[in-house]
Amino acid sequence: MDTSVITAPPVAAFADFGAIKAKQQTVWSSGDYAVIGTTLQIVGEQLCEAADLRSGQKVLDVAAGNGNASLAAARRWCDVVASDYVPALLERAHERATADRLAMTFREADAEALPFDDESFDAVLSTFGVMFTPNQERAAAELVRVCKPGGKIGLANWTPDGFIGQVFKTIGRHNPPPAGLRSPALWGTRVRLAELFGPHAAAIEAAERQFVFRYRSPEHWLEIFRTYYGPMLKTFAAVDAASGAALQRDLLGLIGRCNRAQDGTMVVPSEYLEVVITRR
């Protein structure tokens, strides 16, 4: 399936973004995403290289989580602000920055209403973060607003057909998302990115990348994700025992189809789209 031709379905007029966002904030505050997020550090490093960051630039990491892109930018001597609407995740990012003796600023912030002036940053980044906002148009507009003309917006977004995109679809079959909510994985398609950023972009560069999940076994991955990954933790909590068992079978079956390891461990590539937008 060619995900480059996927178009965004219309959002239902009755979608209550405020209620959806409040629920999402509770979801992401559950578990401890930092346990998983720290394994994704290489994505932040690669995104900073793709955005060609320079020392002294002002950089904003939106929906920063535990700070992968923030830390990577700080290692490149940028002036970094890490923002997220989950305070506990910013605390994890602060712990990591302190351990590595990296200077940066931390700011609790909603990606759809960033508390920063227009054209404040040379680069605005987000790794697997802003893609989960319920109001996609509003979030994209905020990224553009706070980025300087000629600046870069760098994104890493899971694609619909990659492993994590398929995990989302599997979860959705057992616990459907709120009515009217567009799939986060649309941020991992060129068509949707053109819709969101095209009018404000001098250029949009996108490339498919692979992040490889490496765990002790498929069962180990499932144990970690259902314990620490908020969306999966909440899904298992919301379904009855029979549905939970079926979801577990479906997830392990998906891993079985994607796993390239033959020694009992888990080595599963997951496609994401690495995006660098140059603002007009």
Protein backbone atom coordinates (compact mmCIF):
# COMPACT_ATOMS: atom_id res chain seq x y z
CA MET A 1 0.00 0.00 0.00
CA ASP A 2 1.39 3.41 -1.00
CA THR A 3 0.91 5.64 2.05
CA SER A 4 1.92 8.70 0.04
CA VAL A 5 -1.58 8.82 -1.47
CA ILE A 6 -3.53 8.47 1.76
CA THR A 7 -5.82 11.44 2.28
CA ALA A 8 -7.15 12.69 5.58
CA PRO A 9 -10.79 11.86 6.24
CA PRO A 10 -13.00 14.77 7.23
CA VAL A 11 -13.21 15.50 10.92
CA ALA A 12 -16.70 15.14 12.33
CA ALA A 13 -18.27 18.44 13.27
CA PHE A 14 -19.04 17.10 16.74
CA ALA A 15 -15.41 16.28 17.63
CA ASP A 16 -14.80 17.80 21.07
CA PHE A 17 -11.09 18.61 20.90
CA GLY A 18 -11.03 19.94 24.45
CA ALA A 19 -12.43 16.75 25.93
CA ILE A 20 -10.22 14.60 23.71
CA LYS A 21 -7.12 16.54 24.72
CA ALA A 22 -7.93 16.25 28.41
CA LYS A 23 -8.31 12.49 28.04
CA GLN A 24 -5.09 12.25 26.04
CA GLN A 25 -3.19 14.15 28.70
CA THR A 26 -4.38 11.61 31.27
CA VAL A 27 -3.32 8.78 28.97
CA TRP A 28 0.20 10.16 28.40
CA SER A 29 0.56 10.89 32.11
CA SER A 30 -0.08 7.23 32.93
CA GLY A 31 2.65 4.62 32.96
CA ASP A 32 6.11 6.08 32.36
CA TYR A 33 6.77 6.85 28.70
CA ALA A 34 10.37 7.75 29.55
CA VAL A 35 11.16 4.02 29.89
CA ILE A 36 10.31 3.61 26.21
CA GLY A 37 11.27 7.08 25.05
CA THR A 38 14.91 6.70 26.07
CA THR A 39 15.29 3.80 23.62
CA LEU A 40 14.37 6.18 20.77
CA GLN A 41 17.28 8.58 21.36
CA ILE A 42 18.89 7.85 18.01
CA VAL A 43 15.85 9.35 16.25
CA GLY A 44 16.44 12.71 17.93
CA GLU A 45 20.11 12.64 16.98
CA GLN A 46 19.31 11.86 13.35
CA LEU A 47 16.61 14.53 13.19
CA CYS A 48 19.02 17.20 14.44
CA GLU A 49 21.46 16.19 11.71
CA ALA A 50 18.72 16.28 9.08
CA ALA A 51 17.75 19.79 10.24
CA ASP A 52 21.43 20.80 10.05
CA LEU A 53 21.36 22.55 13.43
CA ARG A 54 24.09 25.07 14.19
CA SER A 55 25.57 26.14 17.52
CA GLY A 56 23.85 29.13 19.05
CA GLN A 57 20.52 28.56 17.31
CA LYS A 58 17.33 28.85 19.34
CA VAL A 59 15.56 25.49 19.25
CA LEU A 60 12.12 24.47 20.56
CA ASP A 61 11.25 20.80 21.12
CA VAL A 62 7.45 20.44 21.06
CA ALA A 63 5.79 17.52 22.87
CA ALA A 64 9.33 16.72 23.91
CA GLY A 65 8.51 13.81 26.18
CA ASN A 66 11.66 12.83 28.02
CA GLY A 67 13.76 15.03 25.76
CA ASN A 68 15.34 13.02 22.96
CA ALA A 69 15.43 15.83 20.40
CA SER A 70 16.10 18.43 23.12
CA LEU A 71 19.16 16.58 24.37
CA ALA A 72 20.42 16.06 20.83
CA ALA A 73 20.08 19.77 20.06
CA ALA A 74 21.79 20.74 23.32
CA ARG A 75 24.71 18.45 22.42
CA ARG A 76 25.09 20.62 19.34
CA TRP A 77 25.41 23.75 21.52
CA CYS A 78 21.98 25.12 20.66
CA ASP A 79 19.86 27.27 23.00
CA VAL A 80 17.13 24.71 23.72
CA VAL A 81 13.63 24.86 25.20
CA ALA A 82 11.94 21.51 25.87
CA SER A 83 8.14 21.73 26.12
CA ASP A 84 5.45 19.19 26.96
CA TYR A 85 2.03 19.14 28.64
CA VAL A 86 3.01 16.23 30.91
CA PRO A 87 5.15 17.65 33.75
CA ALA A 88 6.45 14.22 34.79
CA LEU A 89 8.02 13.71 31.36
CA LEU A 90 9.74 17.09 31.54
CA GLU A 91 11.13 16.02 34.91
CA ARG A 92 12.66 12.95 33.23
CA ALA A 93 14.15 15.18 30.53
CA HIS A 94 15.58 17.46 33.23
CA GLU A 95 17.15 14.47 35.01
CA ARG A 96 18.81 13.37 31.77
CA ALA A 97 20.07 16.86 30.97
CA THR A 98 21.51 17.21 34.47
CA ALA A 99 23.25 13.85 34.24
CA ASP A 100 24.83 14.84 30.92
CA ARG A 101 25.56 18.41 32.10
CA LEU A 102 23.54 19.91 29.28
CA ALA A 103 21.98 23.34 29.72
CA MET A 104 18.41 23.82 28.52
CA THR A 105 15.10 25.33 29.57
CA PHE A 106 11.95 23.35 30.39
CA ARG A 107 8.45 24.72 29.85
CA GLU A 108 5.08 23.07 30.43
CA ALA A 109 3.12 23.83 27.26
CA ASP A 110 0.24 22.67 25.08
CA ALA A 111 1.39 22.00 21.51
CA GLU A 112 -1.84 23.56 20.23
CA ALA A 113 -1.29 26.81 22.18
CA LEU A 114 2.44 27.36 22.54
CA PRO A 115 3.34 30.12 25.06
CA PHE A 116 5.99 31.68 22.83
CA ASP A 117 6.12 34.78 20.67
CA ASP A 118 5.79 34.65 16.89
CA GLU A 119 8.99 33.79 15.00
CA SER A 120 10.95 33.04 18.20
CA PHE A 121 12.95 29.99 17.14
CA ASP A 122 15.44 29.08 14.43
CA ALA A 123 14.29 25.46 14.58
CA VAL A 124 11.19 23.71 15.94
CA LEU A 125 11.41 19.96 16.47
CA SER A 126 9.15 17.09 17.50
CA THR A 127 9.88 13.36 17.59
CA PHE A 128 6.76 11.18 17.81
CA GLY A 129 5.07 13.95 19.79
CA VAL A 130 3.09 16.63 18.00
CA MET A 131 1.61 13.97 15.72
CA PHE A 132 -0.66 12.92 18.61
CA THR A 133 -2.41 16.29 19.00
CA PRO A 134 -6.17 16.03 18.40
CA ASN A 135 -6.43 19.28 16.40
CA GLN A 136 -3.81 18.69 13.73
CA GLU A 137 -4.36 21.96 11.88
CA ARG A 138 -4.01 23.99 15.05
CA ALA A 139 -0.82 22.19 16.11
CA ALA A 140 0.77 22.64 12.68
CA ALA A 141 -0.15 26.33 12.69
CA GLU A 142 1.57 26.75 16.06
CA LEU A 143 4.79 25.12 14.81
CA VAL A 144 4.80 27.52 11.88
CA ARG A 145 3.94 30.56 14.02
CA VAL A 146 6.86 30.22 16.44
CA CYS A 147 9.43 29.39 13.73
CA LYS A 148 11.39 32.21 12.11
CA PRO A 149 11.12 32.75 8.34
CA GLY A 150 13.81 30.61 6.76
CA GLY A 151 13.91 28.44 9.89
CA LYS A 152 13.42 24.68 10.02
CA ILE A 153 10.59 22.53 11.37
CA GLY A 154 11.92 19.01 11.95
CA LEU A 155 9.56 16.10 12.60
CA ALA A 156 9.78 12.35 13.11
CA ASN A 157 6.36 10.74 12.62
CA TRP A 158 5.33 7.08 12.54
CA THR A 159 3.87 6.03 9.18
CA PRO A 160 0.50 4.27 8.80
CA ASP A 161 2.00 1.06 7.40
CA GLY A 162 5.03 0.78 9.67
CA PHE A 163 5.09 -1.43 12.75
CA ILE A 164 3.89 1.23 15.21
CA GLY A 165 1.27 2.38 12.71
CA GLN A 166 0.01 -1.21 12.68
CA VAL A 167 0.10 -1.31 16.48
CA PHE A 168 -2.20 1.73 16.53
CA LYS A 169 -4.58 0.03 14.09
CA THR A 170 -4.57 -3.14 16.18
CA ILE A 171 -5.37 -1.20 19.35
CA GLY A 172 -8.09 0.72 17.50
CA ARG A 173 -9.86 -2.49 16.50
CA HIS A 174 -10.23 -3.43 20.17
CA ASN A 175 -10.74 0.06 21.62
CA PRO A 176 -11.85 2.54 18.93
CA PRO A 177 -10.56 6.13 19.16
CA PRO A 178 -12.97 9.04 19.80
CA ALA A 179 -15.35 9.84 16.96
CA GLY A 180 -14.06 12.48 14.57
CA LEU A 181 -10.38 12.10 15.51
CA ARG A 182 -7.95 11.87 12.62
CA SER A 183 -5.28 9.18 12.82
CA PRO A 184 -1.96 10.47 14.21
CA ALA A 185 -0.21 8.36 11.58
CA LEU A 186 -1.42 10.75 8.87
CA TRP A 187 1.48 12.96 9.97
CA GLY A 188 3.63 10.20 8.51
CA THR A 189 2.33 10.80 4.97
CA ARG A 190 3.53 13.36 2.47
CA VAL A 191 0.00 14.27 1.41
CA ARG A 192 -1.05 15.25 4.92
CA LEU A 193 2.18 17.18 5.52
CA ALA A 194 1.55 19.15 2.33
CA GLU A 195 -1.96 19.95 3.54
CA LEU A 196 -0.73 21.09 6.95
CA PHE A 197 2.43 22.96 5.97
CA GLY A 198 2.42 23.51 2.20
CA PRO A 199 1.14 27.12 2.19
CA HIS A 200 3.85 28.14 4.69
CA ALA A 201 6.77 26.09 3.35
CA ALA A 202 9.57 27.07 1.02
CA ALA A 203 10.47 23.38 0.93
CA ILE A 204 9.33 20.10 2.49
CA GLU A 205 11.89 17.30 2.53
CA ALA A 206 10.74 13.88 3.72
CA ALA A 207 12.50 10.53 3.87
CA GLU A 208 11.44 7.13 5.14
CA ARG A 209 13.58 5.90 8.02
CA GLN A 210 13.56 2.80 10.19
CA PHE A 211 13.78 2.63 13.94
CA VAL A 212 14.49 -0.92 15.11
CA PHE A 213 12.81 -2.13 18.30
CA ARG A 214 15.19 -4.52 20.05
CA TYR A 215 13.80 -6.38 23.06
CA ARG A 216 14.55 -9.62 24.89
CA SER A 217 11.50 -11.26 23.29
CA PRO A 218 8.12 -10.31 21.82
CA GLU A 219 6.62 -10.96 25.25
CA HIS A 220 9.15 -8.60 26.83
CA TRP A 221 8.15 -5.82 24.41
CA LEU A 222 4.49 -6.37 25.24
CA GLU A 223 5.18 -6.36 28.98
CA ILE A 224 7.10 -3.07 28.74
CA PHE A 225 4.54 -1.36 26.51
CA ARG A 226 1.45 -2.42 28.44
CA THR A 227 3.12 -1.29 31.68
CA TYR A 228 4.74 2.00 30.62
CA TYR A 229 3.18 3.15 27.31
CA GLY A 230 0.10 5.17 28.26
CA PRO A 231 -2.08 4.44 25.21
CA MET A 232 -1.54 0.69 25.54
CA LEU A 233 -1.81 0.66 29.33
CA LYS A 234 -5.14 2.48 29.16
CA THR A 235 -6.41 0.22 26.36
CA PHE A 236 -5.78 -2.96 28.33
CA ALA A 237 -7.41 -1.34 31.37
CA ALA A 238 -10.49 -0.38 29.34
CA VAL A 239 -11.30 -3.81 27.86
CA ASP A 240 -12.55 -6.95 29.56
CA ALA A 241 -10.41 -10.03 30.11
CA ALA A 242 -11.47 -11.77 26.90
CA SER A 243 -10.84 -8.69 24.77
CA GLY A 244 -7.52 -8.12 26.52
CA ALA A 245 -6.43 -11.66 25.71
CA ALA A 246 -7.47 -11.18 22.08
CA LEU A 247 -5.56 -7.90 21.89
CA GLN A 248 -2.47 -9.58 23.31
CA ARG A 249 -2.73 -12.37 20.72
CA ASP A 250 -3.13 -9.84 17.91
CA LEU A 251 -0.12 -7.80 19.05
CA LEU A 252 2.09 -10.87 19.41
CA GLY A 253 0.90 -12.03 16.00
CA LEU A 254 1.87 -8.67 14.50
CA ILE A 255 5.32 -8.92 16.06
CA GLY A 256 5.65 -12.46 14.74
CA ARG A 257 5.02 -11.24 11.20
CA CYS A 258 7.50 -8.36 11.53
CA ASN A 259 10.23 -9.93 13.66
CA ARG A 260 13.45 -10.59 11.78
CA ALA A 261 15.14 -12.31 14.75
CA GLN A 262 15.32 -16.09 14.77
CA ASP A 263 16.81 -16.56 18.24
CA GLY A 264 13.81 -15.79 20.44
CA THR A 265 14.62 -12.08 20.77
CA MET A 266 12.71 -9.26 19.10
CA VAL A 267 14.22 -7.21 16.27
CA VAL A 268 11.42 -5.31 14.55
CA PRO A 269 11.99 -2.38 12.19
CA SER A 270 9.36 0.36 12.39
CA GLU A 271 9.09 2.87 9.59
CA TYR A 272 8.82 6.57 10.33
CA LEU A 273 8.95 9.68 8.18
CA GLU A 274 11.78 12.11 8.88
CA VAL A 275 10.63 15.56 7.79
CA VAL A 276 12.40 18.91 7.46
CA ILE A 277 10.24 21.88 6.51
CA THR A 278 11.83 25.20 5.61
CA ARG A 279 9.47 28.00 6.61
CA ARG A 280 8.74 30.76 4.15
